[in-house]
Protein backbone atom coordinates (compact mmCIF):
# COMPACT_ATOMS: atom_id res chain seq x y z
CA UNK A 1 0.72 -3.00 -23.21
CA UNK A 2 0.60 -5.33 -26.13
CA UNK A 3 -0.62 -9.15 -25.71
CA UNK A 4 1.84 -10.97 -23.55
CA UNK A 5 3.02 -14.05 -25.60
CA UNK A 6 6.26 -15.03 -23.62
CA UNK A 7 6.26 -18.63 -22.20
CA UNK A 8 8.95 -19.91 -19.62
CA UNK A 9 9.22 -23.70 -20.54
CA UNK A 10 10.84 -25.84 -17.99
CA UNK A 11 11.03 -29.52 -18.78
CA UNK A 12 14.02 -31.49 -18.39
CA UNK A 13 13.43 -34.32 -21.02
CA UNK A 14 15.16 -32.74 -24.15
CA UNK A 15 12.69 -34.55 -26.65
CA UNK A 16 9.85 -33.60 -24.86
CA UNK A 17 10.99 -29.65 -24.06
CA UNK A 18 11.73 -29.77 -28.24
CA UNK A 19 8.28 -30.82 -28.91
CA UNK A 20 6.20 -28.15 -26.73
CA UNK A 21 8.81 -25.47 -27.60
CA UNK A 22 7.46 -26.27 -31.45
CA UNK A 23 3.78 -26.45 -30.51
CA UNK A 24 3.42 -23.18 -28.68
CA UNK A 25 5.89 -21.49 -31.38
CA UNK A 26 3.62 -22.44 -34.38
CA UNK A 27 0.82 -20.84 -31.81
CA UNK A 28 2.76 -17.62 -32.33
CA UNK A 29 3.92 -17.67 -28.68
CA UNK A 30 7.90 -16.61 -27.62
CA UNK A 31 9.27 -19.46 -25.56
CA UNK A 32 12.19 -19.46 -23.27
CA UNK A 33 13.30 -23.08 -23.04
CA UNK A 34 15.32 -24.35 -19.91
CA UNK A 35 15.86 -28.15 -18.56
CA UNK A 36 16.15 -27.15 -14.75
CA UNK A 37 14.70 -24.87 -11.92
CA UNK A 38 18.23 -23.73 -11.85
CA UNK A 39 18.39 -22.47 -15.11
CA UNK A 40 14.89 -21.15 -15.18
CA UNK A 41 15.51 -19.16 -11.70
CA UNK A 42 16.87 -15.73 -13.26
CA UNK A 43 14.21 -15.30 -15.36
CA UNK A 44 11.36 -15.26 -12.62
CA UNK A 45 10.80 -11.92 -11.75
CA UNK A 46 8.24 -9.88 -10.48
CA UNK A 47 8.28 -8.01 -13.59
CA UNK A 48 8.22 -11.08 -15.89
CA UNK A 49 5.87 -10.33 -18.99
CA UNK A 50 4.83 -13.78 -19.55
CA UNK A 51 3.74 -17.18 -17.73
CA UNK A 52 5.64 -20.26 -16.80
CA UNK A 53 4.98 -23.69 -17.99
CA UNK A 54 6.81 -26.44 -15.90
CA UNK A 55 6.95 -30.09 -15.90
CA UNK A 56 6.45 -31.50 -12.08
CA UNK A 57 8.87 -34.48 -11.95
CA UNK A 58 12.43 -33.27 -12.23
CA UNK A 59 15.48 -34.19 -10.89
CA UNK A 60 16.95 -31.90 -8.29
CA UNK A 61 14.37 -29.23 -7.81
CA UNK A 62 10.89 -29.97 -8.84
CA UNK A 63 7.94 -28.51 -10.32
CA UNK A 64 6.49 -27.81 -6.51
CA UNK A 65 9.81 -25.96 -5.46
CA UNK A 66 9.63 -23.76 -8.78
CA UNK A 67 5.72 -23.03 -7.90
CA UNK A 68 6.69 -21.87 -4.61
CA UNK A 69 9.68 -19.94 -5.71
CA UNK A 70 7.62 -18.23 -8.37
CA UNK A 71 4.58 -17.35 -5.52
CA UNK A 72 7.53 -15.77 -3.48
CA UNK A 73 8.65 -13.55 -6.14
CA UNK A 74 5.03 -12.84 -7.04
CA UNK A 75 2.17 -14.71 -6.32
CA UNK A 76 0.27 -13.06 -9.28
CA UNK A 77 2.47 -14.77 -12.07
CA UNK A 78 0.65 -17.80 -13.35
CA UNK A 79 2.35 -21.30 -13.63
CA UNK A 80 0.95 -23.94 -15.49
CA UNK A 81 2.33 -27.54 -14.52
CA UNK A 82 2.46 -30.64 -16.27
CA UNK A 83 1.94 -34.40 -14.76
CA UNK A 84 2.03 -37.57 -15.28
CA UNK A 85 -1.02 -39.31 -16.82
CA UNK A 86 -3.30 -40.11 -14.29
CA UNK A 87 -1.85 -38.55 -11.28
CA UNK A 88 -4.68 -36.93 -9.92
CA UNK A 89 -3.29 -36.52 -6.16
CA UNK A 90 -0.48 -34.69 -7.48
CA UNK A 91 -2.49 -32.62 -9.70
CA UNK A 92 -4.68 -31.86 -7.05
CA UNK A 93 -1.69 -30.57 -4.84
CA UNK A 94 -0.56 -28.07 -7.31
CA UNK A 95 -3.70 -26.46 -7.25
CA UNK A 96 -3.87 -26.24 -3.61
CA UNK A 97 -0.42 -24.71 -3.88
CA UNK A 98 -1.18 -22.10 -5.96
CA UNK A 99 -0.93 -23.70 -9.66
CA UNK A 100 -2.75 -21.27 -12.23
CA UNK A 101 -3.68 -24.98 -14.05
CA UNK A 102 -2.66 -28.16 -14.53
CA UNK A 103 -2.37 -30.53 -17.59
CA UNK A 104 -1.84 -34.28 -18.04
CA UNK A 105 0.95 -35.38 -20.68
CA UNK A 106 0.62 -36.12 -23.06
CA UNK A 107 -1.84 -33.11 -23.90
CA UNK A 108 -3.47 -31.80 -26.82
CA UNK A 109 -1.86 -28.70 -28.33
CA UNK A 110 -5.31 -26.74 -28.39
CA UNK A 111 -5.76 -27.46 -24.80
CA UNK A 112 -2.22 -26.61 -24.19
CA UNK A 113 -2.46 -23.24 -26.15
CA UNK A 114 -5.74 -22.70 -24.65
CA UNK A 115 -4.72 -22.76 -21.18
CA UNK A 116 -1.57 -20.83 -21.76
CA UNK A 117 -3.71 -18.16 -23.67
CA UNK A 118 -5.78 -17.97 -20.60
CA UNK A 119 -2.64 -17.22 -18.30
CA UNK A 120 -0.99 -14.81 -20.49
CA UNK A 121 -4.39 -12.91 -20.41
CA UNK A 122 -4.31 -13.07 -16.59
CA UNK A 123 -0.70 -12.03 -16.14
CA UNK A 124 -1.35 -9.00 -18.59
CA UNK A 125 -4.45 -7.79 -16.46
CA UNK A 126 -2.30 -8.12 -13.27
CA UNK A 127 0.96 -6.21 -15.03
CA UNK A 128 -1.65 -3.42 -16.82
CA UNK A 129 -2.97 -2.66 -13.41
CA UNK A 130 0.15 -2.60 -11.45
CA UNK A 131 1.36 -0.34 -14.49
CA UNK A 132 -1.82 1.97 -13.73
CA UNK A 133 -1.35 2.10 -10.39
CA UNK A 134 1.95 3.30 -10.18
CA UNK A 135 1.19 6.08 -13.24
CA UNK A 136 -1.68 6.94 -11.17
CA UNK A 137 0.46 7.35 -7.58
CA UNK A 138 3.20 9.25 -9.40
CA UNK A 139 0.79 11.80 -10.34
CA UNK A 140 -1.28 11.49 -7.28
CA UNK A 141 0.66 12.77 -4.24
CA UNK A 142 -2.42 11.89 -1.91
CA UNK A 143 -2.41 8.23 -2.96
CA UNK A 144 1.66 8.29 -2.62
CA UNK A 145 1.91 9.77 0.72
CA UNK A 146 -0.68 9.11 2.72
CA UNK A 147 -1.24 5.36 3.90
CA UNK A 148 -3.71 3.32 4.61
CA UNK A 149 -6.45 1.04 3.23
CA UNK A 150 -9.39 2.26 6.04
CA UNK A 151 -12.67 3.96 5.38
CA UNK A 152 -11.02 7.13 7.06
CA UNK A 153 -7.82 6.91 5.29
CA UNK A 154 -9.23 6.84 2.12
CA UNK A 155 -11.95 9.64 3.27
CA UNK A 156 -8.89 11.60 4.35
CA UNK A 157 -7.21 11.18 0.66
CA UNK A 158 -10.25 12.11 -0.74
CA UNK A 159 -10.86 15.41 1.06
CA UNK A 160 -6.91 16.41 0.60
CA UNK A 161 -7.51 15.93 -3.11
CA UNK A 162 -10.73 18.10 -2.99
CA UNK A 163 -9.33 20.92 -0.59
CA UNK A 164 -6.19 20.85 -2.86
CA UNK A 165 -8.61 22.41 -5.90
CA UNK A 166 -9.61 25.24 -3.72
CA UNK A 167 -8.00 28.68 -3.16
CA UNK A 168 -9.50 29.29 0.42
CA UNK A 169 -7.56 29.19 3.53
CA UNK A 170 -7.27 25.52 5.37
CA UNK A 171 -6.99 24.24 8.63
CA UNK A 172 -5.35 20.76 9.20
CA UNK A 173 -6.09 19.52 12.70
CA UNK A 174 -5.10 16.15 14.40
CA UNK A 175 -3.56 14.82 17.33
CA UNK A 176 0.21 14.97 18.25
CA UNK A 177 2.24 12.72 15.74
CA UNK A 178 -0.35 12.48 13.24
CA UNK A 179 1.34 14.58 10.50
CA UNK A 180 -0.35 17.63 10.12
CA UNK A 181 2.47 19.41 8.78
CA UNK A 182 2.54 16.37 6.23
CA UNK A 183 -1.19 16.48 5.24
CA UNK A 184 -0.93 20.20 4.56
CA UNK A 185 2.40 19.41 2.25
CA UNK A 186 -0.05 16.73 0.52
CA UNK A 187 -2.68 19.63 -0.33
CA UNK A 188 -0.26 21.77 -1.53
CA UNK A 189 1.58 19.11 -3.81
CA UNK A 190 -2.29 18.00 -5.21
CA UNK A 191 -2.99 21.40 -6.11
CA UNK A 192 -2.19 23.91 -8.82
CA UNK A 193 0.52 25.63 -7.07
CA UNK A 194 2.67 22.61 -6.46
CA UNK A 195 5.55 23.97 -8.69
CA UNK A 196 5.85 26.68 -6.47
CA UNK A 197 7.15 26.86 -2.96
CA UNK A 198 5.66 25.26 0.18
CA UNK A 199 7.08 27.26 3.23
CA UNK A 200 6.70 26.30 7.02
CA UNK A 201 6.57 28.54 9.59
CA UNK A 202 5.97 27.83 13.43
CA UNK A 203 3.19 30.54 14.47
CA UNK A 204 4.76 30.70 18.16
CA UNK A 205 6.09 34.43 18.44
CA UNK A 206 5.59 35.11 14.92
CA UNK A 207 5.62 38.84 14.65
CA UNK A 208 3.83 40.80 11.57
CA UNK A 209 7.20 41.34 9.80
CA UNK A 210 7.82 37.94 9.95
CA UNK A 211 4.59 36.73 8.73
CA UNK A 212 5.23 39.23 5.64
CA UNK A 213 8.28 37.84 4.77
CA UNK A 214 6.99 34.17 5.07
CA UNK A 215 3.96 35.34 2.77
CA UNK A 216 6.51 36.70 0.17
CA UNK A 217 8.76 33.52 0.54
CA UNK A 218 5.73 31.51 -0.63
CA UNK A 219 4.86 33.87 -3.16
CA UNK A 220 2.29 32.13 -5.50
CA UNK A 221 2.88 28.94 -3.50
CA UNK A 222 1.65 27.90 0.14
CA UNK A 223 2.57 29.40 3.70
CA UNK A 224 1.75 26.94 6.43
CA UNK A 225 1.66 28.06 10.16
CA UNK A 226 2.21 25.44 12.81
CA UNK A 227 0.25 25.37 15.72
CA UNK A 228 -1.78 28.34 14.62
CA UNK A 229 -3.33 28.77 18.47
CA UNK A 230 -0.15 30.16 19.55
CA UNK A 231 0.02 33.17 16.72
CA UNK A 232 0.50 36.36 18.70
CA UNK A 233 -2.94 38.11 18.74
CA UNK A 234 -1.34 41.28 16.34
CA UNK A 235 -0.06 38.88 14.04
CA UNK A 236 -3.75 37.27 14.28
CA UNK A 237 -5.12 40.62 12.98
CA UNK A 238 -2.33 40.85 10.21
CA UNK A 239 -3.36 37.75 8.90
CA UNK A 240 -6.98 38.52 8.57
CA UNK A 241 -5.84 41.51 6.90
CA UNK A 242 -3.82 39.49 4.48
CA UNK A 243 -6.95 36.95 3.72
CA UNK A 244 -9.58 39.45 2.95
CA UNK A 245 -7.07 40.92 0.50
CA UNK A 246 -7.08 37.64 -1.21
CA UNK A 247 -3.22 37.02 -1.10
CA UNK A 248 -1.16 35.40 -3.89
CA UNK A 249 -0.15 32.88 -1.45
CA UNK A 250 -2.50 30.32 -0.13
CA UNK A 251 -2.19 30.07 3.90
CA UNK A 252 -2.72 26.66 5.32
CA UNK A 253 -3.13 26.63 9.60
CA UNK A 254 -2.20 23.57 11.57
CA UNK A 255 -3.03 22.69 15.28
CA UNK A 256 -3.02 19.48 17.54
CA UNK A 257 -5.17 20.98 19.96
CA UNK A 258 -9.23 21.50 19.59
CA UNK A 259 -9.57 25.08 18.47
CA UNK A 260 -12.45 27.04 19.78
CA UNK A 261 -13.31 31.04 19.67
CA UNK A 262 -12.12 31.73 22.92
CA UNK A 263 -8.53 30.54 22.13
CA UNK A 264 -8.09 32.30 18.87
CA UNK A 265 -9.24 35.30 17.19
CA UNK A 266 -12.81 34.84 16.53
CA UNK A 267 -13.25 36.03 12.92
CA UNK A 268 -9.42 34.12 12.19
CA UNK A 269 -11.48 30.82 13.96
CA UNK A 270 -14.27 30.86 11.80
CA UNK A 271 -12.38 31.49 8.57
CA UNK A 272 -10.59 28.69 9.18
CA UNK A 273 -13.14 26.27 10.10
CA UNK A 274 -14.90 26.80 6.66
CA UNK A 275 -12.30 24.43 4.99
CA UNK A 276 -11.02 22.48 7.54
CA UNK A 277 -9.65 18.87 7.71
CA UNK A 278 -8.95 16.41 10.72
CA UNK A 279 -6.74 13.53 10.54
CA UNK A 280 -8.04 10.58 12.20
CA UNK A 281 -5.67 8.90 15.23
CA UNK A 282 -4.08 5.76 14.90
CA UNK A 283 -6.25 4.33 17.36
CA UNK A 284 -9.37 4.99 15.34
CA UNK A 285 -7.89 3.01 12.46
CA UNK A 286 -6.27 0.18 13.73
CA UNK A 287 -6.76 -1.62 10.55
CA UNK A 288 -4.00 0.62 8.96
CA UNK A 289 -1.31 -0.45 11.68
CA UNK A 290 0.11 -3.48 9.79
CA UNK A 291 -0.07 -1.22 6.63
CA UNK A 292 1.64 1.94 8.21
CA UNK A 293 4.33 -0.04 10.05
CA UNK A 294 5.47 -2.11 7.10
CA UNK A 295 5.99 1.29 4.88
CA UNK A 296 7.69 3.03 8.03
CA UNK A 297 10.15 -0.26 8.05
CA UNK A 298 10.89 0.23 4.27
CA UNK A 299 11.68 3.71 4.73
CA UNK A 300 13.78 3.42 7.58
CA UNK A 301 15.53 0.15 6.28
CA UNK A 302 16.18 2.52 2.99
CA UNK A 303 17.98 5.35 5.24
CA UNK A 304 19.90 3.26 7.35
CA UNK A 305 21.21 1.26 4.07
CA UNK A 306 20.05 -2.25 5.39
CA UNK A 307 17.79 -4.79 4.41
CA UNK A 308 14.05 -4.72 5.87
CA UNK A 309 13.90 -7.36 8.27
CA UNK A 310 11.18 -9.90 8.15
CA UNK A 311 7.62 -8.50 10.25
CA UNK A 312 6.24 -11.73 12.00
CA UNK A 313 2.42 -11.99 12.26
CA UNK A 314 3.39 -12.04 16.33
CA UNK A 315 4.99 -8.51 15.89
CA UNK A 316 2.08 -7.20 14.28
CA UNK A 317 -0.42 -8.46 16.90
CA UNK A 318 1.75 -6.97 19.40
CA UNK A 319 1.59 -3.50 17.66
CA UNK A 320 -1.76 -3.60 17.04
CA UNK A 321 -2.67 -4.12 20.69
CA UNK A 322 -1.30 -0.68 22.08
CA UNK A 323 -3.23 2.58 21.59
CA UNK A 324 -0.21 4.67 19.63
CA UNK A 325 -0.82 8.10 21.82
CA UNK A 326 2.02 9.09 19.64
CA UNK A 327 0.21 8.20 16.49
CA UNK A 328 2.10 8.05 13.07
CA UNK A 329 5.32 9.59 14.49
CA UNK A 330 5.60 6.96 17.33
CA UNK A 331 4.93 4.09 14.64
CA UNK A 332 7.89 5.61 12.49
CA UNK A 333 9.89 5.31 16.14
CA UNK A 334 9.08 1.77 16.54
CA UNK A 335 10.01 0.75 12.93
CA UNK A 336 13.24 2.71 13.24
CA UNK A 337 14.19 0.79 16.41
CA UNK A 338 13.09 -2.45 14.86
CA UNK A 339 15.29 -2.27 11.53
CA UNK A 340 18.29 -1.32 14.11
CA UNK A 341 17.26 -4.19 16.01
CA UNK A 342 16.58 -2.52 19.21
CA UNK A 343 14.22 -4.49 21.70
CA UNK A 344 11.15 -3.08 22.61
CA UNK A 345 8.33 -3.84 25.02
CA UNK A 346 5.10 -4.81 22.89
CA UNK A 347 3.12 -5.53 25.56
CA UNK A 348 2.41 -2.50 26.38
CA UNK A 349 -0.76 -1.41 28.79
CA UNK A 350 -3.82 -0.91 27.27
CA UNK A 351 -7.46 -0.75 28.35
CA UNK A 352 -8.99 -3.09 25.91
CA UNK A 353 -9.62 -6.75 27.26
CA UNK A 354 -8.26 -9.63 25.71
CA UNK A 355 -11.28 -10.44 23.23
CA UNK A 356 -11.14 -7.24 21.90
CA UNK A 357 -7.43 -7.04 21.53
CA UNK A 358 -7.99 -10.14 19.48
CA UNK A 359 -10.78 -9.20 17.50
CA UNK A 360 -8.83 -6.05 16.54
CA UNK A 361 -5.86 -8.33 15.44
CA UNK A 362 -7.99 -10.68 13.63
CA UNK A 363 -9.63 -7.65 11.64
CA UNK A 364 -6.34 -6.26 10.94
CA UNK A 365 -4.81 -9.57 9.23
CA UNK A 366 -8.06 -9.90 6.99
CA UNK A 367 -7.99 -6.39 5.66
CA UNK A 368 -4.15 -7.10 4.89
CA UNK A 369 -4.99 -10.37 3.34
CA UNK A 370 -7.48 -8.79 0.98
CA UNK A 371 -5.05 -5.60 0.35
CA UNK A 372 -1.97 -7.88 -0.58
CA UNK A 373 -4.47 -9.96 -2.84
CA UNK A 374 -6.16 -7.06 -4.54
CA UNK A 375 -9.73 -8.03 -2.95
CA UNK A 376 -9.45 -11.45 -4.31
CA UNK A 377 -11.31 -13.35 -1.60
CA UNK A 378 -10.42 -16.85 -2.36
CA UNK A 379 -7.02 -16.02 -2.51
CA UNK A 380 -6.59 -14.22 0.69
CA UNK A 381 -8.77 -17.11 2.61
CA UNK A 382 -5.84 -19.45 1.00
CA UNK A 383 -2.82 -17.30 2.34
CA UNK A 384 -4.64 -17.36 5.78
CA UNK A 385 -5.01 -21.18 5.43
CA UNK A 386 -8.69 -20.69 5.99
CA UNK A 387 -11.75 -22.30 4.84
CA UNK A 388 -13.57 -20.02 2.38
CA UNK A 389 -16.93 -20.28 4.50
CA UNK A 390 -15.36 -19.16 7.48
CA UNK A 391 -13.00 -16.59 5.91
CA UNK A 392 -16.71 -15.11 4.75
CA UNK A 393 -18.02 -15.35 7.97
CA UNK A 394 -15.15 -13.70 9.61
CA UNK A 395 -15.64 -11.00 6.85
CA UNK A 396 -19.33 -10.52 7.43
CA UNK A 397 -18.40 -10.23 11.39
CA UNK A 398 -15.99 -7.66 10.87
CA UNK A 399 -18.03 -5.37 8.10
CA UNK A 400 -15.47 -6.05 5.50
CA UNK A 401 -16.46 -6.01 1.69
CA UNK A 402 -13.50 -7.31 -0.52
CA UNK A 403 -14.74 -5.48 -3.31
CA UNK A 404 -13.47 -2.18 -1.59
CA UNK A 405 -9.97 -3.50 -2.30
CA UNK A 406 -9.85 -4.24 -5.81
């Protein structure tokens, strides 16, 4: 990405607007001139490759309204505001509301250009990071398909990537509804076999000939056998023979129950245990609940052809007070009902006391704010309307480190 040079100038006074535009053009900046918020609004987008320079005092919608609108569109879009000489209270208010900087009119051209260059540099960094993240996720199915910001979620993604580069049989386990088959598919998509087939079969009742057919269908790809403990004993022996022969097809097995040598052929059990991966339950990573739910709401809205509804903090708090024994699948169902407007009781029974429930909700809100703001603690604190000291005290209390979200 080449250096950004675009400035959206919003100034109602024609003479001042022309003078400012000339100053910026002499500094080799590209200027879009507008005389009001209404005229500027269409230029303010999340992908705007530039920054905004606006007067505060304007007829109709003033600079504060423009600032709020810009931050609603993209909280990382720098807005520099121009204030009247000596209007310090207004300048302070602008900074508190998230302005990148402010300048008093009339301002020296060198000072104006220096502030805008800093803003442009910050904007370029944000856009570059987003581009790199999109590119990384496009080429990284683990990042694209396994959601969450918890240590457990990141550890799961790392193990998926690592196992994807091996050729051994893999056992993917997890509680019901945790997405065992999905994680197995992500391993396949992260592997060199991704261009070939990923075939799923239920192990229950699968006979020798059906196993051979499934292996042929998944040739040079991956075969996933769901609920491996239900595989008939004779077919288990056939599968061991297949693994001994180092087949062209990679075999992955799934289970939502704890496997043991008594419930499955012991040789097959120990083979699968060599490369095994466990998906954590939602209750083990409550800080991921808001992220998972928002993702599922977006997906459900797209499937239903509806606009995603607003998710209030109270609704998130209700979600986090539940145990979610159905895990991700239950959260998906809750998201679909939420999108369709189907009432749901979020006050379900829980064994957690009030203090523990509130602590879980508080930690989730802190984590979500840091994730939204890329680990920038001051911005996260501002979004939560907390004094910085209070915010840092809460981070320490919950063992949260901002640098883990950058």
